């Protein structure tokens, strides 16, 4: 007799239009109105959009100019990250009442492993409902949730009944659930990869599942095996309570485009100083400096250099960023500059995942 496959119970909680929802909560005059956090009708990039704005095609990472074209009556508000962090802490406090296995992905989403939980509740579905109810009652915001056997399926499921909904994918339902999805709904498959898959005749999870591992590796290289596994519901990454920071960055979008390297050096000095503060706050240093340049035509270029030693000092960061800036001439005026540091001195420790079987 074959032993049953062991499963975990993973919940992915995703706040609904988090930044925009916080602004609407704090300012009732904004409720029900199309709202963009960040950017403006002349400059910048949208950080978040309310659901009212999304109906007009406004989305995060879109230029403020394009967002205003899509929605002429769009309201822009400046982001208040300290406020978002404050709300995020309140929400995480709720999470930790259920489990210590909480892996935040950002201020507005996190994975929770509730296989064994502090409430002794055998139902991950009921735990997710309770958490969402408490977030609404205690914080005043709505959240969506996905519940399944691993992080990947839970993440995909949390988007299924948004906003203010949840979706449970039981162990025996996983493969059928994934087979019926458009591949652009798969977490980790972006627009470029989705377009490549469409050209190869892969439109749904079922199409993806029909391809051999060799075919996928030939066409998608290292990602091929990942795609082969996830469509079969295989994803063994555990919930990591102490998620390792892989990079630290700071960047600025300018009110007016920069045309001279002299002005760019001045801006880079401030960005390097901001980056140094972030690194020191978390006692982090790194070896690889990356300069990000976004031009006036919205194309983005990155240039990197890896040093033989770890750095966190503003002077060394700026010196390397200047070297990267002068690597080649600017092709257009510049609207954004950023510096990031990766290859950090925070090593990821691999652990063995022990899975237990429970009913959902």
Protein backbone atom coordinates (compact mmCIF):
# COMPACT_ATOMS: atom_id res chain seq x y z
CA UNK A 1 0.00 0.00 0.00
CA UNK A 2 1.36 3.43 -1.01
CA UNK A 3 1.92 5.96 1.77
CA UNK A 4 -0.20 9.15 1.38
CA UNK A 5 1.64 12.24 0.13
CA UNK A 6 2.37 14.63 3.01
CA UNK A 7 0.95 18.14 2.76
CA UNK A 8 1.37 21.47 4.46
CA UNK A 9 -1.28 24.14 5.03
CA UNK A 10 -0.14 27.46 3.59
CA UNK A 11 -2.11 30.72 3.57
CA UNK A 12 -1.17 33.68 1.41
CA UNK A 13 -2.73 36.92 2.67
CA UNK A 14 -2.78 39.84 0.23
CA UNK A 15 -4.19 43.23 1.23
CA UNK A 16 -6.55 44.76 -1.34
CA UNK A 17 -5.04 47.83 -3.07
CA UNK A 18 -3.19 48.44 0.19
CA UNK A 19 -1.65 51.92 -0.19
CA UNK A 20 -4.75 53.30 -1.92
CA UNK A 21 -7.07 51.65 0.62
CA UNK A 22 -5.12 53.20 3.53
CA UNK A 23 -5.48 56.64 1.91
CA UNK A 24 -9.22 56.13 1.41
CA UNK A 25 -9.60 54.92 5.00
CA UNK A 26 -7.75 57.93 6.41
CA UNK A 27 -9.53 60.40 4.14
CA UNK A 28 -13.22 59.46 3.66
CA UNK A 29 -13.53 62.08 0.88
CA UNK A 30 -11.43 59.76 -1.30
CA UNK A 31 -13.68 56.73 -0.84
CA UNK A 32 -15.25 55.46 -4.04
CA UNK A 33 -13.04 57.69 -6.19
CA UNK A 34 -10.30 56.70 -8.67
CA UNK A 35 -7.06 57.20 -6.76
CA UNK A 36 -3.36 56.82 -7.56
CA UNK A 37 -0.70 56.77 -4.86
CA UNK A 38 2.53 58.26 -6.21
CA UNK A 39 3.21 59.97 -9.50
CA UNK A 40 1.41 63.00 -10.87
CA UNK A 41 -0.22 64.02 -14.11
CA UNK A 42 3.12 65.39 -15.31
CA UNK A 43 5.80 63.22 -13.64
CA UNK A 44 6.57 60.08 -11.69
CA UNK A 45 5.27 56.56 -11.52
CA UNK A 46 2.13 55.18 -9.87
CA UNK A 47 2.91 53.06 -6.78
CA UNK A 48 -0.64 51.82 -6.27
CA UNK A 49 -4.12 52.35 -7.69
CA UNK A 50 -7.55 52.01 -6.10
CA UNK A 51 -10.00 49.53 -7.63
CA UNK A 52 -12.00 52.49 -8.96
CA UNK A 53 -8.90 53.59 -10.90
CA UNK A 54 -8.07 50.07 -12.06
CA UNK A 55 -11.36 49.98 -13.98
CA UNK A 56 -9.79 52.59 -16.26
CA UNK A 57 -6.60 50.57 -16.75
CA UNK A 58 -4.55 52.46 -14.16
CA UNK A 59 -2.02 50.16 -12.48
CA UNK A 60 1.18 50.25 -10.44
CA UNK A 61 4.45 51.03 -12.29
CA UNK A 62 2.51 53.05 -14.91
CA UNK A 63 3.68 56.60 -15.59
CA UNK A 64 1.52 59.32 -14.07
CA UNK A 65 1.05 60.84 -17.51
CA UNK A 66 -0.38 57.60 -18.94
CA UNK A 67 -2.52 57.04 -15.85
CA UNK A 68 -4.07 60.50 -16.26
CA UNK A 69 -4.73 59.79 -19.95
CA UNK A 70 -6.51 56.57 -19.02
CA UNK A 71 -8.52 58.25 -16.26
CA UNK A 72 -8.86 62.06 -16.68
CA UNK A 73 -10.53 62.45 -13.25
CA UNK A 74 -7.81 60.46 -11.44
CA UNK A 75 -6.74 61.84 -8.05
CA UNK A 76 -3.03 61.66 -7.20
CA UNK A 77 -1.83 61.52 -3.57
CA UNK A 78 1.70 61.43 -2.20
CA UNK A 79 2.72 58.10 -0.63
CA UNK A 80 3.07 57.97 3.17
CA UNK A 81 5.27 54.96 3.74
CA UNK A 82 5.58 55.46 7.49
CA UNK A 83 1.79 55.21 7.75
CA UNK A 84 1.75 52.07 5.57
CA UNK A 85 4.44 50.51 7.78
CA UNK A 86 2.40 51.33 10.88
CA UNK A 87 -0.70 49.61 9.45
CA UNK A 88 1.41 46.67 8.23
CA UNK A 89 2.71 46.11 11.78
CA UNK A 90 -0.86 45.96 13.10
CA UNK A 91 -1.74 43.34 10.51
CA UNK A 92 1.35 41.22 11.19
CA UNK A 93 0.58 41.30 14.90
CA UNK A 94 -2.65 39.47 14.04
CA UNK A 95 -0.74 36.91 11.94
CA UNK A 96 1.59 36.08 14.85
CA UNK A 97 -1.38 35.20 17.06
CA UNK A 98 -1.91 32.19 14.79
CA UNK A 99 1.62 31.09 13.87
CA UNK A 100 5.27 32.11 14.18
CA UNK A 101 5.87 30.84 10.64
CA UNK A 102 5.13 34.14 8.91
CA UNK A 103 7.08 35.24 5.82
CA UNK A 104 6.33 38.84 4.79
CA UNK A 105 6.87 39.51 1.08
CA UNK A 106 6.17 43.23 1.37
CA UNK A 107 4.14 45.59 3.55
CA UNK A 108 0.89 44.23 2.12
CA UNK A 109 1.33 40.48 1.73
CA UNK A 110 2.69 37.47 3.59
CA UNK A 111 2.76 33.69 3.70
CA UNK A 112 1.62 31.85 6.84
CA UNK A 113 2.28 28.18 7.54
CA UNK A 114 -0.62 27.05 9.76
CA UNK A 115 -0.01 23.30 9.50
CA UNK A 116 0.41 23.43 13.25
CA UNK A 117 -0.96 26.67 14.69
CA UNK A 118 -1.37 28.42 18.03
CA UNK A 119 -5.17 28.19 17.93
CA UNK A 120 -5.20 24.43 17.43
CA UNK A 121 -7.58 24.94 14.51
CA UNK A 122 -7.35 22.07 12.00
CA UNK A 123 -8.92 24.15 9.19
CA UNK A 124 -6.64 26.50 7.25
CA UNK A 125 -9.74 27.81 5.45
CA UNK A 126 -11.40 28.86 8.71
CA UNK A 127 -8.15 30.41 9.97
CA UNK A 128 -7.91 32.52 6.81
CA UNK A 129 -11.54 33.64 7.22
CA UNK A 130 -10.92 34.57 10.84
CA UNK A 131 -7.75 36.52 10.02
CA UNK A 132 -9.47 38.46 7.24
CA UNK A 133 -12.42 39.24 9.55
CA UNK A 134 -10.08 40.51 12.26
CA UNK A 135 -8.11 42.68 9.83
CA UNK A 136 -11.36 44.29 8.72
CA UNK A 137 -12.71 44.80 12.26
CA UNK A 138 -9.45 45.86 13.95
CA UNK A 139 -7.69 47.73 11.14
CA UNK A 140 -10.52 48.72 8.81
CA UNK A 141 -9.18 47.23 5.59
CA UNK A 142 -10.10 44.23 3.44
CA UNK A 143 -7.75 41.39 2.54
CA UNK A 144 -7.86 38.43 0.18
CA UNK A 145 -6.43 34.98 0.86
CA UNK A 146 -5.31 31.85 -0.94
CA UNK A 147 -5.06 28.55 0.91
CA UNK A 148 -3.32 25.44 -0.39
CA UNK A 149 -0.53 22.89 0.00
CA UNK A 150 2.38 25.15 -0.95
CA UNK A 151 3.37 28.79 -1.38
CA UNK A 152 2.99 28.86 -5.15
CA UNK A 153 -0.60 27.58 -5.29
CA UNK A 154 -1.62 29.71 -2.29
CA UNK A 155 -0.20 32.82 -3.99
CA UNK A 156 -2.07 32.11 -7.24
CA UNK A 157 -5.27 31.32 -5.32
CA UNK A 158 -5.21 34.60 -3.35
CA UNK A 159 -5.74 36.50 -6.60
CA UNK A 160 -8.69 34.32 -7.63
CA UNK A 161 -11.51 36.03 -5.69
CA UNK A 162 -10.07 39.51 -5.22
CA UNK A 163 -11.00 41.86 -3.70
CA UNK A 164 -12.15 40.79 -0.23
CA UNK A 165 -12.41 37.08 -1.00
CA UNK A 166 -10.54 33.83 -0.61
CA UNK A 167 -9.96 30.59 -2.44
CA UNK A 168 -9.00 27.20 -1.03
CA UNK A 169 -7.35 24.69 -3.35
CA UNK A 170 -7.44 21.31 -1.63
CA UNK A 171 -4.65 18.78 -2.27
CA UNK A 172 -6.71 16.69 -4.69
CA UNK A 173 -7.79 19.84 -6.61
CA UNK A 174 -4.36 21.36 -7.21
CA UNK A 175 -3.54 19.94 -10.66
CA UNK A 176 -7.02 20.55 -12.10
CA UNK A 177 -6.99 24.11 -10.71
CA UNK A 178 -3.65 24.87 -12.38
CA UNK A 179 -4.58 23.15 -15.65
CA UNK A 180 -7.55 25.48 -16.14
CA UNK A 181 -5.63 28.71 -15.54
CA UNK A 182 -4.32 31.04 -18.23
CA UNK A 183 -0.52 30.85 -17.88
CA UNK A 184 -0.34 34.64 -17.34
CA UNK A 185 -2.10 33.96 -14.01
CA UNK A 186 0.86 31.84 -12.86
CA UNK A 187 2.98 33.65 -10.28
CA UNK A 188 6.46 34.11 -11.75
CA UNK A 189 5.32 34.22 -15.38
CA UNK A 190 5.47 37.85 -16.50
CA UNK A 191 4.23 39.44 -19.71
CA UNK A 192 7.38 38.71 -21.73
CA UNK A 193 7.46 35.03 -20.73
CA UNK A 194 3.70 34.69 -21.25
CA UNK A 195 4.06 36.08 -24.80
CA UNK A 196 6.84 33.57 -25.51
CA UNK A 197 4.63 30.76 -24.24
CA UNK A 198 1.72 31.93 -26.38
CA UNK A 199 3.99 31.76 -29.45
CA UNK A 200 4.83 28.17 -28.49
CA UNK A 201 1.15 27.27 -28.27
CA UNK A 202 1.08 27.31 -24.46
CA UNK A 203 -2.01 29.20 -23.31
CA UNK A 204 -3.21 27.32 -20.24
CA UNK A 205 -1.76 25.24 -17.44
CA UNK A 206 -2.92 22.16 -19.34
CA UNK A 207 -0.87 23.22 -22.38
CA UNK A 208 2.14 23.82 -20.16
CA UNK A 209 1.73 20.44 -18.52
CA UNK A 210 1.75 18.72 -21.90
CA UNK A 211 5.32 19.90 -22.58
CA UNK A 212 8.27 17.78 -21.52
CA UNK A 213 10.93 18.98 -19.10
CA UNK A 214 13.44 18.87 -21.98
CA UNK A 215 11.24 21.10 -24.17
CA UNK A 216 10.76 23.66 -21.39
CA UNK A 217 14.46 23.71 -20.47
CA UNK A 218 15.39 24.13 -24.13
CA UNK A 219 13.07 27.13 -24.51
CA UNK A 220 13.24 28.67 -21.02
CA UNK A 221 16.63 27.45 -19.76
CA UNK A 222 16.84 27.29 -15.93
CA UNK A 223 13.23 28.41 -15.54
CA UNK A 224 12.06 25.44 -17.63
CA UNK A 225 12.29 22.92 -14.78
CA UNK A 226 10.55 25.39 -12.45
CA UNK A 227 7.62 25.67 -14.91
CA UNK A 228 7.55 21.88 -15.31
CA UNK A 229 7.21 21.43 -11.54
CA UNK A 230 4.80 24.21 -10.59
CA UNK A 231 2.15 23.19 -13.11
CA UNK A 232 2.15 19.80 -11.35
CA UNK A 233 1.76 21.49 -7.97
CA UNK A 234 5.36 20.77 -6.97
CA UNK A 235 6.88 23.66 -5.00
CA UNK A 236 8.81 22.76 -1.86
CA UNK A 237 9.95 26.19 -0.72
CA UNK A 238 9.16 26.50 2.99
CA UNK A 239 7.73 29.57 4.71
CA UNK A 240 10.80 31.43 5.97
CA UNK A 241 10.08 33.49 9.10
CA UNK A 242 13.42 35.30 8.80
CA UNK A 243 13.32 36.08 5.11
CA UNK A 244 16.78 37.04 3.89
CA UNK A 245 17.20 40.44 2.28
CA UNK A 246 18.74 39.96 -1.17
CA UNK A 247 19.27 43.61 -2.08
CA UNK A 248 18.94 47.09 -0.64
CA UNK A 249 18.15 50.02 -2.93
CA UNK A 250 17.31 53.70 -3.08
CA UNK A 251 16.14 55.68 -6.10
CA UNK A 252 14.66 59.06 -6.99
CA UNK A 253 12.44 60.27 -9.83
CA UNK A 254 13.18 63.90 -10.68
CA UNK A 255 10.76 66.77 -11.29
CA UNK A 256 12.81 67.79 -14.32
CA UNK A 257 14.91 65.55 -16.55
CA UNK A 258 18.66 65.71 -15.99
CA UNK A 259 20.87 66.37 -18.99
CA UNK A 260 24.29 66.80 -17.36
CA UNK A 261 26.42 64.28 -15.47
CA UNK A 262 27.32 67.07 -13.01
CA UNK A 263 23.70 67.31 -11.86
CA UNK A 264 23.49 63.50 -11.79
CA UNK A 265 26.49 63.24 -9.44
CA UNK A 266 24.76 65.65 -7.05
CA UNK A 267 21.64 63.45 -7.05
CA UNK A 268 23.66 60.25 -6.71
CA UNK A 269 25.33 61.68 -3.62
CA UNK A 270 21.95 62.02 -1.90
CA UNK A 271 20.84 58.56 -3.06
CA UNK A 272 24.09 57.00 -1.79
CA UNK A 273 23.55 58.71 1.57
CA UNK A 274 20.00 57.32 1.78
CA UNK A 275 21.26 53.86 0.85
CA UNK A 276 23.98 54.03 3.51
CA UNK A 277 21.36 54.84 6.16
CA UNK A 278 19.26 51.82 5.13
CA UNK A 279 22.28 49.52 5.18
CA UNK A 280 23.42 50.69 8.61
CA UNK A 281 19.93 50.42 10.05
CA UNK A 282 19.94 46.68 9.26
CA UNK A 283 23.71 46.15 9.68
CA UNK A 284 24.05 44.97 6.07
CA UNK A 285 26.87 45.36 3.55
CA UNK A 286 27.35 44.05 0.02
CA UNK A 287 29.78 43.57 -2.83
CA UNK A 288 27.79 44.36 -5.99
CA UNK A 289 26.79 47.95 -6.76
CA UNK A 290 24.15 48.47 -9.46
CA UNK A 291 23.33 51.83 -11.00
CA UNK A 292 19.82 52.16 -12.43
CA UNK A 293 19.12 54.82 -15.06
CA UNK A 294 15.66 55.53 -16.44
CA UNK A 295 15.68 57.82 -19.47
CA UNK A 296 13.09 60.35 -20.62
CA UNK A 297 11.77 57.82 -23.15
CA UNK A 298 11.08 55.44 -20.18
CA UNK A 299 13.73 52.91 -21.22
CA UNK A 300 15.75 51.59 -18.27
CA UNK A 301 19.41 50.65 -18.15
CA UNK A 302 21.38 49.01 -15.34
CA UNK A 303 25.15 48.85 -14.91
CA UNK A 304 26.82 46.76 -12.20
CA UNK A 305 30.23 46.24 -10.66
CA UNK A 306 31.22 43.59 -8.09
CA UNK A 307 33.96 44.53 -5.64
CA UNK A 308 36.32 42.06 -3.92
CA UNK A 309 35.11 43.22 -0.48
CA UNK A 310 31.87 44.15 1.33
CA UNK A 311 30.93 47.81 1.53
CA UNK A 312 28.23 49.93 3.20
CA UNK A 313 29.99 53.29 3.26
CA UNK A 314 28.41 56.16 1.32
CA UNK A 315 31.80 57.24 -0.11
CA UNK A 316 32.62 53.83 -1.59
CA UNK A 317 29.08 53.37 -2.90
CA UNK A 318 29.17 56.81 -4.57
CA UNK A 319 32.65 56.24 -6.00
CA UNK A 320 31.51 52.99 -7.65
CA UNK A 321 28.23 54.55 -8.86
CA UNK A 322 30.17 57.43 -10.47
CA UNK A 323 32.45 54.94 -12.22
CA UNK A 324 29.38 53.16 -13.59
CA UNK A 325 27.80 56.47 -14.64
CA UNK A 326 30.83 57.39 -16.74
CA UNK A 327 31.03 53.94 -18.33
CA UNK A 328 29.22 55.24 -21.41
CA UNK A 329 27.53 58.40 -22.60
CA UNK A 330 23.90 59.12 -21.78
CA UNK A 331 21.63 58.41 -24.75
CA UNK A 332 18.77 60.63 -23.50
CA UNK A 333 18.01 62.97 -20.63
CA UNK A 334 17.47 61.11 -17.34
CA UNK A 335 14.25 61.05 -15.27
CA UNK A 336 15.29 58.56 -12.56
CA UNK A 337 18.49 57.38 -10.89
CA UNK A 338 18.85 54.56 -8.40
CA UNK A 339 21.60 52.65 -6.62
CA UNK A 340 21.24 49.15 -5.22
CA UNK A 341 23.61 46.89 -3.34
CA UNK A 342 23.35 43.11 -3.53
CA UNK A 343 25.57 40.06 -3.08
CA UNK A 344 25.00 40.84 0.59
CA UNK A 345 26.59 39.45 3.74
CA UNK A 346 23.28 37.80 4.67
CA UNK A 347 23.58 34.17 3.60
CA UNK A 348 20.49 32.07 2.98
CA UNK A 349 20.50 28.93 5.09
CA UNK A 350 18.83 25.91 3.59
CA UNK A 351 16.69 23.79 5.86
CA UNK A 352 14.99 20.45 5.42
CA UNK A 353 11.23 20.75 5.10
CA UNK A 354 9.26 18.23 7.15
CA UNK A 355 5.70 17.92 5.87
CA UNK A 356 2.81 16.41 7.79
CA UNK A 357 -0.52 15.32 6.39
CA UNK A 358 -3.65 17.07 7.65
CA UNK A 359 -7.16 17.55 6.29
CA UNK A 360 -7.99 20.98 4.94
